[in-house]
Amino acid sequence: LEKEMQFINDYIELQKIRSTDKTSVGFTVVGDISGKKISPMILLPFTENAFKYGVSTRELSPINILVESHPNHIHFKIRNNKHNNGKKSLVNTGIGINNTRRRLELLYPGKYELNIEDEPLTYTINLNIHS
């Protein structure tokens, strides 16, 4: 989990370089993540999507990421505004999310909950992975 958090932090820093001052990113890690295990790159697709669909050069674009390490589970939450930015419709996309769902099912069968809230203006992912 420590390596995953460092990778996400590095990804955020890279995206900040590419972004305007309209984009703000909150990245909070709560609890002791040392020694916690998680499959590599399981959280990154959610983070990538937040930047892909949640960043605008004209509108405020907050992205908030929360990782909570509990004794028996890890909670990951990411929330962003939705901006299409001229990309094709979001209706027929979701390959990254679908692949991540499949990976979660293979790696953590019966040991995870994934809740996606696709609201008109915001997109929120809540993922709990139980140990």
C-alpha atoms as a PDB file:
ATOM      1  CA  LEU A   1       0.000   0.000   0.000  1.00  0.00           C
ATOM      2  CA  GLU A   2       2.887   2.358   0.717  1.00  0.00           C
ATOM      3  CA  LYS A   3       4.206   1.917  -2.821  1.00  0.00           C
ATOM      4  CA  GLU A   4       0.723   2.364  -4.276  1.00  0.00           C
ATOM      5  CA  MET A   5       0.284   5.619  -2.336  1.00  0.00           C
ATOM      6  CA  GLN A   6       3.669   6.874  -3.522  1.00  0.00           C
ATOM      7  CA  PHE A   7       2.798   5.967  -7.113  1.00  0.00           C
ATOM      8  CA  ILE A   8      -0.551   7.805  -6.891  1.00  0.00           C
ATOM      9  CA  ASN A   9       1.166  10.809  -5.302  1.00  0.00           C
ATOM     10  CA  ASP A  10       3.729  10.871  -8.139  1.00  0.00           C
ATOM     11  CA  TYR A  11       0.918  10.600 -10.701  1.00  0.00           C
ATOM     12  CA  ILE A  12      -0.915  13.522  -9.051  1.00  0.00           C
ATOM     13  CA  GLU A  13       2.235  15.654  -9.082  1.00  0.00           C
ATOM     14  CA  LEU A  14       2.723  14.923 -12.783  1.00  0.00           C
ATOM     15  CA  GLN A  15      -0.892  15.828 -13.547  1.00  0.00           C
ATOM     16  CA  LYS A  16      -0.598  19.070 -11.572  1.00  0.00           C
ATOM     17  CA  ILE A  17       2.161  20.154 -13.957  1.00  0.00           C
ATOM     18  CA  ARG A  18      -0.209  19.633 -16.881  1.00  0.00           C
ATOM     19  CA  SER A  19      -3.203  21.276 -15.187  1.00  0.00           C
ATOM     20  CA  THR A  20      -4.288  24.886 -14.783  1.00  0.00           C
ATOM     21  CA  ASP A  21      -5.057  26.708 -11.564  1.00  0.00           C
ATOM     22  CA  LYS A  22      -8.682  25.547 -11.959  1.00  0.00           C
ATOM     23  CA  THR A  23      -7.639  22.091 -10.768  1.00  0.00           C
ATOM     24  CA  SER A  24      -7.187  21.429  -7.079  1.00  0.00           C
ATOM     25  CA  VAL A  25      -6.261  18.048  -5.667  1.00  0.00           C
ATOM     26  CA  GLY A  26      -6.686  16.843  -2.125  1.00  0.00           C
ATOM     27  CA  PHE A  27      -4.864  13.618  -1.310  1.00  0.00           C
ATOM     28  CA  THR A  28      -5.242  12.400   2.262  1.00  0.00           C
ATOM     29  CA  VAL A  29      -3.965   9.177   3.794  1.00  0.00           C
ATOM     30  CA  VAL A  30      -5.309   8.315   7.257  1.00  0.00           C
ATOM     31  CA  GLY A  31      -3.992   5.519   9.435  1.00  0.00           C
ATOM     32  CA  ASP A  32      -0.913   3.342   9.362  1.00  0.00           C
ATOM     33  CA  ILE A  33      -0.253   2.069   5.833  1.00  0.00           C
ATOM     34  CA  SER A  34       3.089   0.441   6.616  1.00  0.00           C
ATOM     35  CA  GLY A  35       2.987  -3.294   6.098  1.00  0.00           C
ATOM     36  CA  LYS A  36      -0.464  -3.220   4.456  1.00  0.00           C
ATOM     37  CA  LYS A  37      -0.701  -5.217   1.240  1.00  0.00           C
ATOM     38  CA  ILE A  38      -2.716  -4.374  -1.848  1.00  0.00           C
ATOM     39  CA  SER A  39      -2.493  -5.558  -5.421  1.00  0.00           C
ATOM     40  CA  PRO A  40      -0.359  -3.157  -7.476  1.00  0.00           C
ATOM     41  CA  MET A  41      -2.110  -0.605  -9.679  1.00  0.00           C
ATOM     42  CA  ILE A  42      -5.589  -1.471  -8.406  1.00  0.00           C
ATOM     43  CA  LEU A  43      -6.364   2.137  -7.434  1.00  0.00           C
ATOM     44  CA  LEU A  44      -4.653   3.923 -10.304  1.00  0.00           C
ATOM     45  CA  PRO A  45      -7.431   3.522 -12.929  1.00  0.00           C
ATOM     46  CA  PHE A  46      -9.832   5.398 -10.639  1.00  0.00           C
ATOM     47  CA  THR A  47      -7.270   8.165 -10.196  1.00  0.00           C
ATOM     48  CA  GLU A  48      -6.592   8.337 -13.944  1.00  0.00           C
ATOM     49  CA  ASN A  49     -10.318   8.633 -14.687  1.00  0.00           C
ATOM     50  CA  ALA A  50     -10.677  11.471 -12.179  1.00  0.00           C
ATOM     51  CA  PHE A  51      -8.101  13.451 -14.139  1.00  0.00           C
ATOM     52  CA  LYS A  52      -9.378  12.345 -17.548  1.00  0.00           C
ATOM     53  CA  TYR A  53     -13.011  13.318 -16.947  1.00  0.00           C
ATOM     54  CA  GLY A  54     -12.770  15.614 -13.944  1.00  0.00           C
ATOM     55  CA  VAL A  55     -10.429  18.349 -15.143  1.00  0.00           C
ATOM     56  CA  SER A  56     -11.420  21.442 -17.096  1.00  0.00           C
ATOM     57  CA  THR A  57      -9.362  24.437 -18.129  1.00  0.00           C
ATOM     58  CA  ARG A  58     -12.426  26.697 -17.755  1.00  0.00           C
ATOM     59  CA  GLU A  59     -14.313  25.383 -14.719  1.00  0.00           C
ATOM     60  CA  LEU A  60     -13.269  24.601 -11.169  1.00  0.00           C
ATOM     61  CA  SER A  61     -12.060  21.032 -11.026  1.00  0.00           C
ATOM     62  CA  PRO A  62     -11.607  19.711  -7.510  1.00  0.00           C
ATOM     63  CA  ILE A  63     -10.422  16.132  -7.118  1.00  0.00           C
ATOM     64  CA  ASN A  64     -10.459  14.669  -3.623  1.00  0.00           C
ATOM     65  CA  ILE A  65      -8.806  11.375  -2.756  1.00  0.00           C
ATOM     66  CA  LEU A  66      -9.044   9.757   0.660  1.00  0.00           C
ATOM     67  CA  VAL A  67      -7.302   6.553   1.710  1.00  0.00           C
ATOM     68  CA  GLU A  68      -8.073   5.155   5.139  1.00  0.00           C
ATOM     69  CA  SER A  69      -6.120   2.249   6.567  1.00  0.00           C
ATOM     70  CA  HIS A  70      -8.103   0.303   9.160  1.00  0.00           C
ATOM     71  CA  PRO A  71      -7.023  -2.885  10.970  1.00  0.00           C
ATOM     72  CA  ASN A  72      -9.214  -5.135   8.787  1.00  0.00           C
ATOM     73  CA  HIS A  73      -9.752  -3.125   5.628  1.00  0.00           C
ATOM     74  CA  ILE A  74      -8.614  -0.316   3.378  1.00  0.00           C
ATOM     75  CA  HIS A  75     -11.069   2.362   2.265  1.00  0.00           C
ATOM     76  CA  PHE A  76     -10.401   4.351  -0.920  1.00  0.00           C
ATOM     77  CA  LYS A  77     -12.630   7.250  -1.934  1.00  0.00           C
ATOM     78  CA  ILE A  78     -12.196   9.547  -4.891  1.00  0.00           C
ATOM     79  CA  ARG A  79     -14.580  12.275  -5.966  1.00  0.00           C
ATOM     80  CA  ASN A  80     -14.417  14.643  -8.918  1.00  0.00           C
ATOM     81  CA  ASN A  81     -16.601  16.971 -10.907  1.00  0.00           C
ATOM     82  CA  LYS A  82     -17.535  15.711 -14.351  1.00  0.00           C
ATOM     83  CA  HIS A  83     -16.250  17.526 -17.433  1.00  0.00           C
ATOM     84  CA  ASN A  84     -16.444  15.990 -20.891  1.00  0.00           C
ATOM     85  CA  ASN A  85     -13.889  18.417 -22.423  1.00  0.00           C
ATOM     86  CA  GLY A  86     -14.828  17.416 -25.952  1.00  0.00           C
ATOM     87  CA  LYS A  87     -14.115  13.734 -25.326  1.00  0.00           C
ATOM     88  CA  LYS A  88     -16.587  11.257 -26.690  1.00  0.00           C
ATOM     89  CA  SER A  89     -19.648  10.451 -24.638  1.00  0.00           C
ATOM     90  CA  LEU A  90     -18.992   8.804 -21.295  1.00  0.00           C
ATOM     91  CA  VAL A  91     -21.829   6.351 -21.910  1.00  0.00           C
ATOM     92  CA  ASN A  92     -19.786   3.917 -24.008  1.00  0.00           C
ATOM     93  CA  THR A  93     -16.552   4.199 -22.071  1.00  0.00           C
ATOM     94  CA  GLY A  94     -15.566   2.570 -18.813  1.00  0.00           C
ATOM     95  CA  ILE A  95     -13.085  -0.007 -20.056  1.00  0.00           C
ATOM     96  CA  GLY A  96     -10.648   0.905 -17.277  1.00  0.00           C
ATOM     97  CA  ILE A  97     -13.351   0.669 -14.614  1.00  0.00           C
ATOM     98  CA  ASN A  98     -14.641  -2.629 -16.027  1.00  0.00           C
ATOM     99  CA  ASN A  99     -11.131  -4.073 -16.109  1.00  0.00           C
ATOM    100  CA  THR A 100     -10.568  -2.947 -12.526  1.00  0.00           C
ATOM    101  CA  ARG A 101     -13.863  -4.548 -11.454  1.00  0.00           C
ATOM    102  CA  ARG A 102     -12.720  -7.789 -13.045  1.00  0.00           C
ATOM    103  CA  ARG A 103      -9.322  -7.590 -11.335  1.00  0.00           C
ATOM    104  CA  LEU A 104     -11.011  -6.938  -7.991  1.00  0.00           C
ATOM    105  CA  GLU A 105     -13.243  -9.969  -8.497  1.00  0.00           C
ATOM    106  CA  LEU A 106     -10.255 -12.174  -9.350  1.00  0.00           C
ATOM    107  CA  LEU A 107      -7.949 -10.849  -6.624  1.00  0.00           C
ATOM    108  CA  TYR A 108     -10.439 -10.187  -3.801  1.00  0.00           C
ATOM    109  CA  PRO A 109     -13.475 -12.446  -4.349  1.00  0.00           C
ATOM    110  CA  GLY A 110     -16.025 -11.674  -1.637  1.00  0.00           C
ATOM    111  CA  LYS A 111     -13.559  -9.354   0.090  1.00  0.00           C
ATOM    112  CA  TYR A 112     -14.337  -6.001  -1.478  1.00  0.00           C
ATOM    113  CA  GLU A 113     -17.179  -3.548  -1.983  1.00  0.00           C
ATOM    114  CA  LEU A 114     -17.143  -1.113  -4.878  1.00  0.00           C
ATOM    115  CA  ASN A 115     -19.740   1.638  -4.959  1.00  0.00           C
ATOM    116  CA  ILE A 116     -19.809   4.082  -7.864  1.00  0.00           C
ATOM    117  CA  GLU A 117     -22.016   7.165  -7.619  1.00  0.00           C
ATOM    118  CA  ASP A 118     -22.455   8.651 -11.089  1.00  0.00           C
ATOM    119  CA  GLU A 119     -24.392  11.831 -10.447  1.00  0.00           C
ATOM    120  CA  PRO A 120     -25.108  14.579 -13.005  1.00  0.00           C
ATOM    121  CA  LEU A 121     -22.235  16.819 -11.853  1.00  0.00           C
ATOM    122  CA  THR A 122     -19.992  14.547  -9.775  1.00  0.00           C
ATOM    123  CA  TYR A 123     -18.472  11.099  -9.869  1.00  0.00           C
ATOM    124  CA  THR A 124     -17.577   9.281  -6.650  1.00  0.00           C
ATOM    125  CA  ILE A 125     -15.859   5.944  -6.121  1.00  0.00           C
ATOM    126  CA  ASN A 126     -15.921   4.185  -2.749  1.00  0.00           C
ATOM    127  CA  LEU A 127     -13.876   1.019  -2.505  1.00  0.00           C
ATOM    128  CA  ASN A 128     -13.364  -1.130   0.579  1.00  0.00           C
ATOM    129  CA  ILE A 129     -10.904  -3.998   0.432  1.00  0.00           C
ATOM    130  CA  HIS A 130     -11.006  -6.367   3.389  1.00  0.00           C
ATOM    131  CA  SER A 131      -8.015  -8.312   4.605  1.00  0.00           C
END
